[in-house]
Amino acid sequence: MTYRVGIVGAGFLTRHSLIPALRGMPDGRLAAVLDPDPQALALTSPAWPEARYTSDEDAFFATEMDAVHVATPNHLHEHFTLRALERGLAVVVDKPLAHTVASGRAIVAAGAAAGVPAIVGYMSKHNVYNREARRLVAEGAIGTPQAMVAARLGWRKDDWRSRPAESGLGCLADLGIYPVLTAIDIFGADPVRCEATAWPVHDPTRTDLYAQATLWFDDRRYLHFETAATFHEQPASAEVASYTVIGDAGIIQVSGAWQMDGTGALELCDASGWRPAARLTPVDPYRSQYELLARAAAGEPVPDEVSLARGLRDLEILYAVADTAAARAGAAAVRLSGGASLAEAR
């Protein structure tokens, strides 16, 4: 049975990942693409010429389709998700769920009322190396997980992600969300408290470029992560996407598994020493998302880990990190200069 998807947004993600993912589905079809920018539509249309390309929202939603993927700046997620739900269409809404918690709550309420499948586009959940890390932890390969240390460092241009009115949060929502999602999977619980710093925080003119935080899951287990988007031009090879899970009987190290291409690497250390994981076959995370949505439309339940309600909870956690960092922003910094010792600097 053909599964027809319309995409809102003709940006890099759509051209680079979403349309190829639909091409990879035997029954996948691109029905239409909506974008206000004619140049973006012109760049996208050669990838699937038979689809409808339009800047007319009503024309887009008049297209025969089974699902809509909302791949827009964050502040538009609510509008287009609600429009799709009102039409009874299944929805993938890109992460984060929304630009504000209030907007996220509106999406969750609309999803509950519509009664159609809707998921958050957490592509990292579909990566085989992240899944393997979860499996190893669940099977006790490293004993009980005690800590996770992670870094997701990248770059961005001065686009909508730099503007709070359109993005909400900055690198926290775009990049820092990945360590948070993975830690929740690893520990099987939500964090209960956090310590954080970030810069800038709650600035009306620009979003956060750097953040580091420790999220505690109980009195012992924690995630410590760092995220940044500080460079305007940086080669992809310079990005950092890695995490280490430390258990009381071993360690798991994963690298590259938060990238868009579904690749990565995993090493395990236990009583017998370090060794790479068995060779895994990468899957296209975006194709996997569409296949999940199609199964949900056929009657399978939506997994809790990609549900709209889960997306709202994750957004609340990210804003709690930002609020914690903002509360600390007024603390006086220790300044070092010249050859002054730490004691003299104090």
C-alpha atoms as a PDB file:
ATOM      1  CA  MET A   1       0.000   0.000   0.000  1.00  0.00           C
ATOM      2  CA  THR A   2       1.412   3.398  -0.997  1.00  0.00           C
ATOM      3  CA  TYR A   3       2.193   5.744   1.895  1.00  0.00           C
ATOM      4  CA  ARG A   4       1.988   9.362   0.766  1.00  0.00           C
ATOM      5  CA  VAL A   5       3.847  12.006   2.770  1.00  0.00           C
ATOM      6  CA  GLY A   6       3.709  15.774   2.463  1.00  0.00           C
ATOM      7  CA  ILE A   7       6.623  17.801   3.816  1.00  0.00           C
ATOM      8  CA  VAL A   8       6.345  21.311   5.228  1.00  0.00           C
ATOM      9  CA  GLY A   9       9.717  22.937   4.637  1.00  0.00           C
ATOM     10  CA  ALA A  10      12.056  22.693   1.641  1.00  0.00           C
ATOM     11  CA  GLY A  11      15.312  23.161   3.490  1.00  0.00           C
ATOM     12  CA  PHE A  12      18.508  21.143   3.774  1.00  0.00           C
ATOM     13  CA  LEU A  13      16.923  18.384   5.867  1.00  0.00           C
ATOM     14  CA  THR A  14      14.224  17.771   3.282  1.00  0.00           C
ATOM     15  CA  ARG A  15      16.647  17.657   0.355  1.00  0.00           C
ATOM     16  CA  HIS A  16      19.445  15.784   2.107  1.00  0.00           C
ATOM     17  CA  SER A  17      17.529  13.280   4.233  1.00  0.00           C
ATOM     18  CA  LEU A  18      13.736  13.219   4.014  1.00  0.00           C
ATOM     19  CA  ILE A  19      13.229  12.794   0.279  1.00  0.00           C
ATOM     20  CA  PRO A  20      15.983  10.124   0.020  1.00  0.00           C
ATOM     21  CA  ALA A  21      14.321   8.312   2.946  1.00  0.00           C
ATOM     22  CA  LEU A  22      11.012   8.211   1.090  1.00  0.00           C
ATOM     23  CA  ARG A  23      12.846   7.032  -2.034  1.00  0.00           C
ATOM     24  CA  GLY A  24      14.193   4.168   0.040  1.00  0.00           C
ATOM     25  CA  MET A  25      10.716   2.990   1.064  1.00  0.00           C
ATOM     26  CA  PRO A  26       9.196   0.613  -1.503  1.00  0.00           C
ATOM     27  CA  ASP A  27       5.757   2.071  -0.772  1.00  0.00           C
ATOM     28  CA  GLY A  28       6.845   5.605   0.111  1.00  0.00           C
ATOM     29  CA  ARG A  29       5.709   8.527  -2.005  1.00  0.00           C
ATOM     30  CA  LEU A  30       6.350  12.246  -1.751  1.00  0.00           C
ATOM     31  CA  ALA A  31       2.959  13.894  -2.241  1.00  0.00           C
ATOM     32  CA  ALA A  32       3.783  17.577  -1.823  1.00  0.00           C
ATOM     33  CA  VAL A  33       6.249  20.098  -0.413  1.00  0.00           C
ATOM     34  CA  LEU A  34       5.199  23.426   1.092  1.00  0.00           C
ATOM     35  CA  ASP A  35       7.592  26.352   1.494  1.00  0.00           C
ATOM     36  CA  PRO A  36       7.184  30.136   1.212  1.00  0.00           C
ATOM     37  CA  ASP A  37      10.492  30.427  -0.666  1.00  0.00           C
ATOM     38  CA  PRO A  38      10.203  29.718  -4.434  1.00  0.00           C
ATOM     39  CA  GLN A  39      13.972  29.251  -4.681  1.00  0.00           C
ATOM     40  CA  ALA A  40      13.898  26.539  -2.009  1.00  0.00           C
ATOM     41  CA  LEU A  41      11.107  24.776  -3.879  1.00  0.00           C
ATOM     42  CA  ALA A  42      13.066  25.015  -7.122  1.00  0.00           C
ATOM     43  CA  LEU A  43      16.100  23.437  -5.467  1.00  0.00           C
ATOM     44  CA  THR A  44      13.983  20.611  -4.072  1.00  0.00           C
ATOM     45  CA  SER A  45      11.713  19.722  -6.990  1.00  0.00           C
ATOM     46  CA  PRO A  46      14.286  17.830  -9.130  1.00  0.00           C
ATOM     47  CA  ALA A  47      14.532  15.184  -6.397  1.00  0.00           C
ATOM     48  CA  TRP A  48      10.896  14.113  -6.962  1.00  0.00           C
ATOM     49  CA  PRO A  49       9.460  15.940 -10.000  1.00  0.00           C
ATOM     50  CA  GLU A  50       6.004  14.357  -9.860  1.00  0.00           C
ATOM     51  CA  ALA A  51       5.212  15.792  -6.393  1.00  0.00           C
ATOM     52  CA  ARG A  52       3.373  19.091  -5.872  1.00  0.00           C
ATOM     53  CA  TYR A  53       5.590  22.031  -4.907  1.00  0.00           C
ATOM     54  CA  THR A  54       3.736  25.051  -3.611  1.00  0.00           C
ATOM     55  CA  SER A  55       3.837  28.129  -1.398  1.00  0.00           C
ATOM     56  CA  ASP A  56       0.052  27.967  -0.974  1.00  0.00           C
ATOM     57  CA  GLU A  57      -0.820  26.363   2.351  1.00  0.00           C
ATOM     58  CA  ASP A  58      -4.395  25.543   1.320  1.00  0.00           C
ATOM     59  CA  ALA A  59      -3.195  23.907  -1.900  1.00  0.00           C
ATOM     60  CA  PHE A  60      -0.727  21.811   0.075  1.00  0.00           C
ATOM     61  CA  PHE A  61      -3.362  20.547   2.493  1.00  0.00           C
ATOM     62  CA  ALA A  62      -5.757  19.868  -0.381  1.00  0.00           C
ATOM     63  CA  THR A  63      -3.265  17.309  -1.723  1.00  0.00           C
ATOM     64  CA  GLU A  64      -4.141  13.642  -1.252  1.00  0.00           C
ATOM     65  CA  MET A  65      -1.715  12.345   1.377  1.00  0.00           C
ATOM     66  CA  ASP A  66      -1.535  10.103   4.423  1.00  0.00           C
ATOM     67  CA  ALA A  67       0.934  11.978   6.610  1.00  0.00           C
ATOM     68  CA  VAL A  68       2.683  15.305   7.042  1.00  0.00           C
ATOM     69  CA  HIS A  69       6.270  15.881   8.155  1.00  0.00           C
ATOM     70  CA  VAL A  70       6.677  19.289   9.802  1.00  0.00           C
ATOM     71  CA  ALA A  71      10.291  20.237   9.022  1.00  0.00           C
ATOM     72  CA  THR A  72      10.134  23.965   9.720  1.00  0.00           C
ATOM     73  CA  PRO A  73      11.685  26.414  12.167  1.00  0.00           C
ATOM     74  CA  ASN A  74      10.499  25.557  15.667  1.00  0.00           C
ATOM     75  CA  HIS A  75       8.014  28.413  16.063  1.00  0.00           C
ATOM     76  CA  LEU A  76       5.958  27.050  13.157  1.00  0.00           C
ATOM     77  CA  HIS A  77       5.632  23.519  14.528  1.00  0.00           C
ATOM     78  CA  GLU A  78       2.389  24.193  16.367  1.00  0.00           C
ATOM     79  CA  HIS A  79       0.570  25.794  13.445  1.00  0.00           C
ATOM     80  CA  PHE A  80       1.364  23.131  10.871  1.00  0.00           C
ATOM     81  CA  THR A  81       1.022  20.185  13.252  1.00  0.00           C
ATOM     82  CA  LEU A  82      -2.431  21.354  14.302  1.00  0.00           C
ATOM     83  CA  ARG A  83      -3.431  21.962  10.693  1.00  0.00           C
ATOM     84  CA  ALA A  84      -2.423  18.402   9.775  1.00  0.00           C
ATOM     85  CA  LEU A  85      -4.127  16.878  12.810  1.00  0.00           C
ATOM     86  CA  GLU A  86      -7.331  18.747  12.024  1.00  0.00           C
ATOM     87  CA  ARG A  87      -7.311  17.038   8.628  1.00  0.00           C
ATOM     88  CA  GLY A  88      -6.880  13.666  10.307  1.00  0.00           C
ATOM     89  CA  LEU A  89      -3.375  13.194   8.929  1.00  0.00           C
ATOM     90  CA  ALA A  90      -0.591  11.364  10.741  1.00  0.00           C
ATOM     91  CA  VAL A  91       2.284  13.663  11.713  1.00  0.00           C
ATOM     92  CA  VAL A  92       6.032  13.669  12.228  1.00  0.00           C
ATOM     93  CA  VAL A  93       7.086  16.917  13.891  1.00  0.00           C
ATOM     94  CA  ASP A  94      10.802  17.571  14.014  1.00  0.00           C
ATOM     95  CA  LYS A  95      12.602  17.888  17.309  1.00  0.00           C
ATOM     96  CA  PRO A  96      12.274  19.768  19.538  1.00  0.00           C
ATOM     97  CA  LEU A  97       8.502  19.501  19.757  1.00  0.00           C
ATOM     98  CA  ALA A  98       8.081  23.291  19.801  1.00  0.00           C
ATOM     99  CA  HIS A  99       9.871  26.564  20.528  1.00  0.00           C
ATOM    100  CA  THR A 100       8.133  27.017  23.899  1.00  0.00           C
ATOM    101  CA  VAL A 101       6.628  24.717  26.494  1.00  0.00           C
ATOM    102  CA  ALA A 102       3.231  26.394  26.053  1.00  0.00           C
ATOM    103  CA  SER A 103       3.289  25.665  22.328  1.00  0.00           C
ATOM    104  CA  GLY A 104       4.326  22.086  23.044  1.00  0.00           C
ATOM    105  CA  ARG A 105       1.352  21.662  25.367  1.00  0.00           C
ATOM    106  CA  ALA A 106      -0.981  22.898  22.643  1.00  0.00           C
ATOM    107  CA  ILE A 107       0.436  20.296  20.245  1.00  0.00           C
ATOM    108  CA  VAL A 108      -0.005  17.487  22.782  1.00  0.00           C
ATOM    109  CA  ALA A 109      -3.599  18.518  23.491  1.00  0.00           C
ATOM    110  CA  ALA A 110      -4.412  18.640  19.788  1.00  0.00           C
ATOM    111  CA  GLY A 111      -2.818  15.254  19.228  1.00  0.00           C
ATOM    112  CA  ALA A 112      -4.868  13.682  22.002  1.00  0.00           C
ATOM    113  CA  ALA A 113      -8.065  15.161  20.575  1.00  0.00           C
ATOM    114  CA  ALA A 114      -7.320  14.120  16.992  1.00  0.00           C
ATOM    115  CA  GLY A 115      -6.709  10.463  17.755  1.00  0.00           C
ATOM    116  CA  VAL A 116      -4.335   9.940  14.823  1.00  0.00           C
ATOM    117  CA  PRO A 117      -0.698   8.764  14.977  1.00  0.00           C
ATOM    118  CA  ALA A 118       1.778  11.550  15.711  1.00  0.00           C
ATOM    119  CA  ILE A 119       5.456  11.280  16.599  1.00  0.00           C
ATOM    120  CA  VAL A 120       8.436  13.501  17.343  1.00  0.00           C
ATOM    121  CA  GLY A 121      11.255  13.230  14.810  1.00  0.00           C
ATOM    122  CA  TYR A 122      13.922  11.797  17.103  1.00  0.00           C
ATOM    123  CA  MET A 123      16.200  10.336  14.443  1.00  0.00           C
ATOM    124  CA  SER A 124      18.793   9.296  17.053  1.00  0.00           C
ATOM    125  CA  LYS A 125      16.318   6.772  18.477  1.00  0.00           C
ATOM    126  CA  HIS A 126      16.594   4.820  15.230  1.00  0.00           C
ATOM    127  CA  ASN A 127      20.400   4.648  15.101  1.00  0.00           C
ATOM    128  CA  VAL A 128      21.617   1.054  15.426  1.00  0.00           C
ATOM    129  CA  TYR A 129      24.564   2.007  17.664  1.00  0.00           C
ATOM    130  CA  ASN A 130      22.353   3.834  20.131  1.00  0.00           C
ATOM    131  CA  ARG A 131      20.006   0.861  20.112  1.00  0.00           C
ATOM    132  CA  GLU A 132      22.938  -1.488  20.679  1.00  0.00           C
ATOM    133  CA  ALA A 133      24.117   0.591  23.648  1.00  0.00           C
ATOM    134  CA  ARG A 134      20.641   0.340  25.155  1.00  0.00           C
ATOM    135  CA  ARG A 135      20.557  -3.407  24.552  1.00  0.00           C
ATOM    136  CA  LEU A 136      23.953  -3.967  26.169  1.00  0.00           C
ATOM    137  CA  VAL A 137      22.971  -1.933  29.218  1.00  0.00           C
ATOM    138  CA  ALA A 138      19.625  -3.731  29.526  1.00  0.00           C
ATOM    139  CA  GLU A 139      21.365  -7.114  29.351  1.00  0.00           C
ATOM    140  CA  GLY A 140      23.823  -6.151  32.097  1.00  0.00           C
ATOM    141  CA  ALA A 141      26.949  -6.044  29.924  1.00  0.00           C
ATOM    142  CA  ILE A 142      28.441  -3.258  32.078  1.00  0.00           C
ATOM    143  CA  GLY A 143      26.545  -3.966  35.268  1.00  0.00           C
ATOM    144  CA  THR A 144      24.417  -1.135  36.594  1.00  0.00           C
ATOM    145  CA  PRO A 145      24.987   2.160  34.739  1.00  0.00           C
ATOM    146  CA  GLN A 146      26.259   4.828  37.104  1.00  0.00           C
ATOM    147  CA  ALA A 147      27.206   7.768  34.888  1.00  0.00           C
ATOM    148  CA  MET A 148      27.112   9.035  31.329  1.00  0.00           C
ATOM    149  CA  VAL A 149      29.453  11.703  29.989  1.00  0.00           C
ATOM    150  CA  ALA A 150      28.674  13.208  26.589  1.00  0.00           C
ATOM    151  CA  ALA A 151      29.529  15.952  24.110  1.00  0.00           C
ATOM    152  CA  ARG A 152      27.600  17.202  21.111  1.00  0.00           C
ATOM    153  CA  LEU A 153      29.493  20.075  19.560  1.00  0.00           C
ATOM    154  CA  GLY A 154      28.681  21.514  16.157  1.00  0.00           C
ATOM    155  CA  TRP A 155      28.287  24.665  14.122  1.00  0.00           C
ATOM    156  CA  ARG A 156      25.600  26.810  12.574  1.00  0.00           C
ATOM    157  CA  LYS A 157      25.199  29.867  10.443  1.00  0.00           C
ATOM    158  CA  ASP A 158      23.230  32.903  11.551  1.00  0.00           C
ATOM    159  CA  ASP A 159      19.876  31.426  10.600  1.00  0.00           C
ATOM    160  CA  TRP A 160      16.595  31.013  12.463  1.00  0.00           C
ATOM    161  CA  ARG A 161      18.285  28.860  15.113  1.00  0.00           C
ATOM    162  CA  SER A 162      20.052  32.017  16.292  1.00  0.00           C
ATOM    163  CA  ARG A 163      16.783  33.889  16.890  1.00  0.00           C
ATOM    164  CA  PRO A 164      14.836  33.129  20.104  1.00  0.00           C
ATOM    165  CA  ALA A 165      11.475  34.108  18.615  1.00  0.00           C
ATOM    166  CA  GLU A 166      11.842  31.381  15.981  1.00  0.00           C
ATOM    167  CA  SER A 167      13.970  28.752  17.712  1.00  0.00           C
ATOM    168  CA  GLY A 168      13.223  29.137  21.418  1.00  0.00           C
ATOM    169  CA  LEU A 169      16.424  27.576  22.713  1.00  0.00           C
ATOM    170  CA  GLY A 170      19.633  27.363  20.680  1.00  0.00           C
ATOM    171  CA  CYS A 171      22.257  24.630  20.849  1.00  0.00           C
ATOM    172  CA  LEU A 172      20.450  23.062  23.815  1.00  0.00           C
ATOM    173  CA  ALA A 173      17.425  22.215  21.681  1.00  0.00           C
ATOM    174  CA  ASP A 174      19.288  21.532  18.448  1.00  0.00           C
ATOM    175  CA  LEU A 175      22.264  19.523  19.735  1.00  0.00           C
ATOM    176  CA  GLY A 176      22.096  19.136  23.513  1.00  0.00           C
ATOM    177  CA  ILE A 177      18.835  17.275  23.235  1.00  0.00           C
ATOM    178  CA  TYR A 178      20.684  14.176  21.991  1.00  0.00           C
ATOM    179  CA  PRO A 179      22.649  13.466  25.197  1.00  0.00           C
ATOM    180  CA  VAL A 180      19.463  14.048  27.199  1.00  0.00           C
ATOM    181  CA  LEU A 181      17.397  11.633  25.101  1.00  0.00           C
ATOM    182  CA  THR A 182      20.095   8.967  25.216  1.00  0.00           C
ATOM    183  CA  ALA A 183      20.624   9.256  28.967  1.00  0.00           C
ATOM    184  CA  ILE A 184      16.896   8.858  29.608  1.00  0.00           C
ATOM    185  CA  ASP A 185      17.024   5.663  27.539  1.00  0.00           C
ATOM    186  CA  ILE A 186      20.161   4.395  29.282  1.00  0.00           C
ATOM    187  CA  PHE A 187      18.930   5.042  32.822  1.00  0.00           C
ATOM    188  CA  GLY A 188      15.315   4.219  32.094  1.00  0.00           C
ATOM    189  CA  ALA A 189      14.130   7.272  34.007  1.00  0.00           C
ATOM    190  CA  ASP A 190      13.728  11.031  33.839  1.00  0.00           C
ATOM    191  CA  PRO A 191      16.209  13.353  35.586  1.00  0.00           C
ATOM    192  CA  VAL A 192      15.107  14.777  38.920  1.00  0.00           C
ATOM    193  CA  ARG A 193      17.469  17.759  39.274  1.00  0.00           C
ATOM    194  CA  CYS A 194      20.142  19.598  37.350  1.00  0.00           C
ATOM    195  CA  GLU A 195      23.093  21.956  37.591  1.00  0.00           C
ATOM    196  CA  ALA A 196      23.919  24.008  34.505  1.00  0.00           C
ATOM    197  CA  THR A 197      25.712  26.951  32.957  1.00  0.00           C
ATOM    198  CA  ALA A 198      25.157  28.428  29.508  1.00  0.00           C
ATOM    199  CA  TRP A 199      25.942  31.471  27.403  1.00  0.00           C
ATOM    200  CA  PRO A 200      24.036  33.544  26.543  1.00  0.00           C
ATOM    201  CA  VAL A 201      20.909  32.692  28.526  1.00  0.00           C
ATOM    202  CA  HIS A 202      17.419  34.094  27.953  1.00  0.00           C
ATOM    203  CA  ASP A 203      18.848  36.804  25.701  1.00  0.00           C
ATOM    204  CA  PRO A 204      15.990  38.210  23.571  1.00  0.00           C
ATOM    205  CA  THR A 205      18.317  38.808  20.621  1.00  0.00           C
ATOM    206  CA  ARG A 206      20.226  35.506  20.367  1.00  0.00           C
ATOM    207  CA  THR A 207      19.939  31.911  21.485  1.00  0.00           C
ATOM    208  CA  ASP A 208      22.400  29.925  23.587  1.00  0.00           C
ATOM    209  CA  LEU A 209      25.684  29.077  21.885  1.00  0.00           C
ATOM    210  CA  TYR A 210      27.169  26.970  24.675  1.00  0.00           C
ATOM    211  CA  ALA A 211      25.818  24.957  27.586  1.00  0.00           C
ATOM    212  CA  GLN A 212      27.040  22.338  30.006  1.00  0.00           C
ATOM    213  CA  ALA A 213      24.915  20.551  32.545  1.00  0.00           C
ATOM    214  CA  THR A 214      24.763  17.708  35.007  1.00  0.00           C
ATOM    215  CA  LEU A 215      21.401  15.965  35.210  1.00  0.00           C
ATOM    216  CA  TRP A 216      20.852  13.738  38.214  1.00  0.00           C
ATOM    217  CA  PHE A 217      18.552  10.731  37.880  1.00  0.00           C
ATOM    218  CA  ASP A 218      18.744   9.881  41.586  1.00  0.00           C
ATOM    219  CA  ASP A 219      21.357  10.366  44.302  1.00  0.00           C
ATOM    220  CA  ARG A 220      24.020   8.457  42.338  1.00  0.00           C
ATOM    221  CA  ARG A 221      23.290   8.249  38.619  1.00  0.00           C
ATOM    222  CA  TYR A 222      23.964  11.258  36.430  1.00  0.00           C
ATOM    223  CA  LEU A 223      24.527  12.598  32.933  1.00  0.00           C
ATOM    224  CA  HIS A 224      27.144  15.284  32.397  1.00  0.00           C
ATOM    225  CA  PHE A 225      27.136  16.825  28.945  1.00  0.00           C
ATOM    226  CA  GLU A 226      28.494  19.740  26.966  1.00  0.00           C
ATOM    227  CA  THR A 227      26.989  21.236  23.837  1.00  0.00           C
ATOM    228  CA  ALA A 228      28.004  24.156  21.649  1.00  0.00           C
ATOM    229  CA  ALA A 229      27.266  25.783  18.305  1.00  0.00           C
ATOM    230  CA  THR A 230      29.884  28.483  18.220  1.00  0.00           C
ATOM    231  CA  PHE A 231      31.365  28.425  14.721  1.00  0.00           C
ATOM    232  CA  HIS A 232      29.813  29.982  11.634  1.00  0.00           C
ATOM    233  CA  GLU A 233      31.797  27.863   9.192  1.00  0.00           C
ATOM    234  CA  GLN A 234      33.101  24.518  10.360  1.00  0.00           C
ATOM    235  CA  PRO A 235      33.675  21.304   8.423  1.00  0.00           C
ATOM    236  CA  ALA A 236      31.379  18.464   9.379  1.00  0.00           C
ATOM    237  CA  SER A 237      34.433  16.350  10.176  1.00  0.00           C
ATOM    238  CA  ALA A 238      35.175  18.676  13.085  1.00  0.00           C
ATOM    239  CA  GLU A 239      31.865  17.993  14.819  1.00  0.00           C
ATOM    240  CA  VAL A 240      31.837  15.993  18.047  1.00  0.00           C
ATOM    241  CA  ALA A 241      29.079  13.505  18.832  1.00  0.00           C
ATOM    242  CA  SER A 242      30.116  10.996  21.478  1.00  0.00           C
ATOM    243  CA  TYR A 243      29.186   9.552  24.840  1.00  0.00           C
ATOM    244  CA  THR A 244      30.550   7.172  27.440  1.00  0.00           C
ATOM    245  CA  VAL A 245      28.385   5.088  29.758  1.00  0.00           C
ATOM    246  CA  ILE A 246      30.147   3.946  32.930  1.00  0.00           C
ATOM    247  CA  GLY A 247      28.741   0.973  34.780  1.00  0.00           C
ATOM    248  CA  ASP A 248      29.902  -0.816  37.905  1.00  0.00           C
ATOM    249  CA  ALA A 249      31.210  -3.685  35.730  1.00  0.00           C
ATOM    250  CA  GLY A 250      32.262  -2.035  32.473  1.00  0.00           C
ATOM    251  CA  ILE A 251      32.167   0.881  30.058  1.00  0.00           C
ATOM    252  CA  ILE A 252      30.486   1.562  26.714  1.00  0.00           C
ATOM    253  CA  GLN A 253      31.811   4.240  24.351  1.00  0.00           C
ATOM    254  CA  VAL A 254      29.736   5.404  21.380  1.00  0.00           C
ATOM    255  CA  SER A 255      30.773   7.932  18.742  1.00  0.00           C
ATOM    256  CA  GLY A 256      29.027   9.425  15.740  1.00  0.00           C
ATOM    257  CA  ALA A 257      25.618   7.947  16.543  1.00  0.00           C
ATOM    258  CA  TRP A 258      23.855  11.331  16.755  1.00  0.00           C
ATOM    259  CA  GLN A 259      24.669  12.206  13.155  1.00  0.00           C
ATOM    260  CA  MET A 260      22.037  12.330  10.414  1.00  0.00           C
ATOM    261  CA  ASP A 261      23.428   9.466   8.321  1.00  0.00           C
ATOM    262  CA  GLY A 262      22.705   6.621  10.750  1.00  0.00           C
ATOM    263  CA  THR A 263      26.356   5.602  11.152  1.00  0.00           C
ATOM    264  CA  GLY A 264      28.500   5.408  14.291  1.00  0.00           C
ATOM    265  CA  ALA A 265      30.844   3.204  16.293  1.00  0.00           C
ATOM    266  CA  LEU A 266      30.659   1.397  19.624  1.00  0.00           C
ATOM    267  CA  GLU A 267      33.292  -0.135  21.901  1.00  0.00           C
ATOM    268  CA  LEU A 268      32.756  -2.159  25.048  1.00  0.00           C
ATOM    269  CA  CYS A 269      35.103  -2.641  27.978  1.00  0.00           C
ATOM    270  CA  ASP A 270      34.416  -5.320  30.574  1.00  0.00           C
ATOM    271  CA  ALA A 271      36.526  -7.739  32.621  1.00  0.00           C
ATOM    272  CA  SER A 272      38.104  -9.090  29.427  1.00  0.00           C
ATOM    273  CA  GLY A 273      39.216  -5.651  28.200  1.00  0.00           C
ATOM    274  CA  TRP A 274      38.291  -3.332  25.339  1.00  0.00           C
ATOM    275  CA  ARG A 275      36.720  -4.655  22.149  1.00  0.00           C
ATOM    276  CA  PRO A 276      34.632  -3.191  19.334  1.00  0.00           C
ATOM    277  CA  ALA A 277      31.012  -4.200  19.093  1.00  0.00           C
ATOM    278  CA  ALA A 278      29.921  -6.638  16.445  1.00  0.00           C
ATOM    279  CA  ARG A 279      29.641  -4.977  13.050  1.00  0.00           C
ATOM    280  CA  LEU A 280      26.222  -3.413  12.744  1.00  0.00           C
ATOM    281  CA  THR A 281      24.362  -2.508   9.582  1.00  0.00           C
ATOM    282  CA  PRO A 282      23.325   1.159   9.658  1.00  0.00           C
ATOM    283  CA  VAL A 283      19.731   2.043   8.873  1.00  0.00           C
ATOM    284  CA  ASP A 284      18.387   5.289   7.468  1.00  0.00           C
ATOM    285  CA  PRO A 285      16.893   6.910  10.588  1.00  0.00           C
ATOM    286  CA  TYR A 286      14.434   9.001   8.586  1.00  0.00           C
ATOM    287  CA  ARG A 287      13.174   6.027   6.615  1.00  0.00           C
ATOM    288  CA  SER A 288      12.784   4.205   9.935  1.00  0.00           C
ATOM    289  CA  GLN A 289      10.668   7.106  11.226  1.00  0.00           C
ATOM    290  CA  TYR A 290       8.351   6.937   8.226  1.00  0.00           C
ATOM    291  CA  GLU A 291       8.048   3.162   8.504  1.00  0.00           C
ATOM    292  CA  LEU A 292       7.155   3.508  12.184  1.00  0.00           C
ATOM    293  CA  LEU A 293       4.490   6.090  11.352  1.00  0.00           C
ATOM    294  CA  ALA A 294       3.041   3.876   8.615  1.00  0.00           C
ATOM    295  CA  ARG A 295       2.822   0.949  11.046  1.00  0.00           C
ATOM    296  CA  ALA A 296       1.104   3.195  13.577  1.00  0.00           C
ATOM    297  CA  ALA A 297      -1.387   4.271  10.923  1.00  0.00           C
ATOM    298  CA  ALA A 298      -2.068   0.565  10.329  1.00  0.00           C
ATOM    299  CA  GLY A 299      -2.922   0.077  13.990  1.00  0.00           C
ATOM    300  CA  GLU A 300       0.318  -0.405  15.927  1.00  0.00           C
ATOM    301  CA  PRO A 301       0.657   1.786  19.038  1.00  0.00           C
ATOM    302  CA  VAL A 302       3.043   4.741  18.903  1.00  0.00           C
ATOM    303  CA  PRO A 303       6.068   3.964  21.130  1.00  0.00           C
ATOM    304  CA  ASP A 304       6.132   6.167  24.225  1.00  0.00           C
ATOM    305  CA  GLU A 305       9.718   7.252  23.504  1.00  0.00           C
ATOM    306  CA  VAL A 306       8.685   9.161  20.351  1.00  0.00           C
ATOM    307  CA  SER A 307       5.205  10.244  21.428  1.00  0.00           C
ATOM    308  CA  LEU A 308       4.125  13.879  21.567  1.00  0.00           C
ATOM    309  CA  ALA A 309       3.825  13.596  25.347  1.00  0.00           C
ATOM    310  CA  ARG A 310       7.442  12.429  25.541  1.00  0.00           C
ATOM    311  CA  GLY A 311       8.476  15.314  23.322  1.00  0.00           C
ATOM    312  CA  LEU A 312       6.807  17.750  25.702  1.00  0.00           C
ATOM    313  CA  ARG A 313       8.550  16.238  28.714  1.00  0.00           C
ATOM    314  CA  ASP A 314      11.908  16.484  26.930  1.00  0.00           C
ATOM    315  CA  LEU A 315      11.219  20.130  26.076  1.00  0.00           C
ATOM    316  CA  GLU A 316      10.418  20.821  29.728  1.00  0.00           C
ATOM    317  CA  ILE A 317      13.738  19.256  30.744  1.00  0.00           C
ATOM    318  CA  LEU A 318      15.663  21.419  28.261  1.00  0.00           C
ATOM    319  CA  TYR A 319      13.980  24.564  29.545  1.00  0.00           C
ATOM    320  CA  ALA A 320      14.743  23.497  33.115  1.00  0.00           C
ATOM    321  CA  VAL A 321      18.412  23.329  32.124  1.00  0.00           C
ATOM    322  CA  ALA A 322      18.204  26.800  30.562  1.00  0.00           C
ATOM    323  CA  ASP A 323      16.410  28.217  33.608  1.00  0.00           C
ATOM    324  CA  THR A 324      19.007  26.703  35.929  1.00  0.00           C
ATOM    325  CA  ALA A 325      21.777  28.279  33.865  1.00  0.00           C
ATOM    326  CA  ALA A 326      19.966  31.631  33.915  1.00  0.00           C
ATOM    327  CA  ALA A 327      19.671  31.495  37.697  1.00  0.00           C
ATOM    328  CA  ARG A 328      23.443  31.104  37.937  1.00  0.00           C
ATOM    329  CA  ALA A 329      24.251  33.739  35.323  1.00  0.00           C
ATOM    330  CA  GLY A 330      24.422  36.548  37.858  1.00  0.00           C
ATOM    331  CA  ALA A 331      27.137  34.893  39.954  1.00  0.00           C
ATOM    332  CA  ALA A 332      30.459  36.721  39.925  1.00  0.00           C
ATOM    333  CA  ALA A 333      33.119  35.042  37.802  1.00  0.00           C
ATOM    334  CA  VAL A 334      36.605  34.347  39.087  1.00  0.00           C
ATOM    335  CA  ARG A 335      38.952  36.363  36.874  1.00  0.00           C
ATOM    336  CA  LEU A 336      42.543  35.367  36.230  1.00  0.00           C
ATOM    337  CA  SER A 337      45.099  37.790  34.781  1.00  0.00           C
ATOM    338  CA  GLY A 338      48.824  37.852  34.133  1.00  0.00           C
ATOM    339  CA  GLY A 339      50.768  35.514  36.372  1.00  0.00           C
ATOM    340  CA  ALA A 340      48.408  35.786  39.327  1.00  0.00           C
ATOM    341  CA  SER A 341      47.916  32.618  41.269  1.00  0.00           C
ATOM    342  CA  LEU A 342      44.476  31.203  41.943  1.00  0.00           C
ATOM    343  CA  ALA A 343      44.752  32.328  45.539  1.00  0.00           C
ATOM    344  CA  GLU A 344      45.667  35.877  44.467  1.00  0.00           C
ATOM    345  CA  ALA A 345      42.869  35.888  41.928  1.00  0.00           C
ATOM    346  CA  ARG A 346      40.379  35.137  44.664  1.00  0.00           C
END
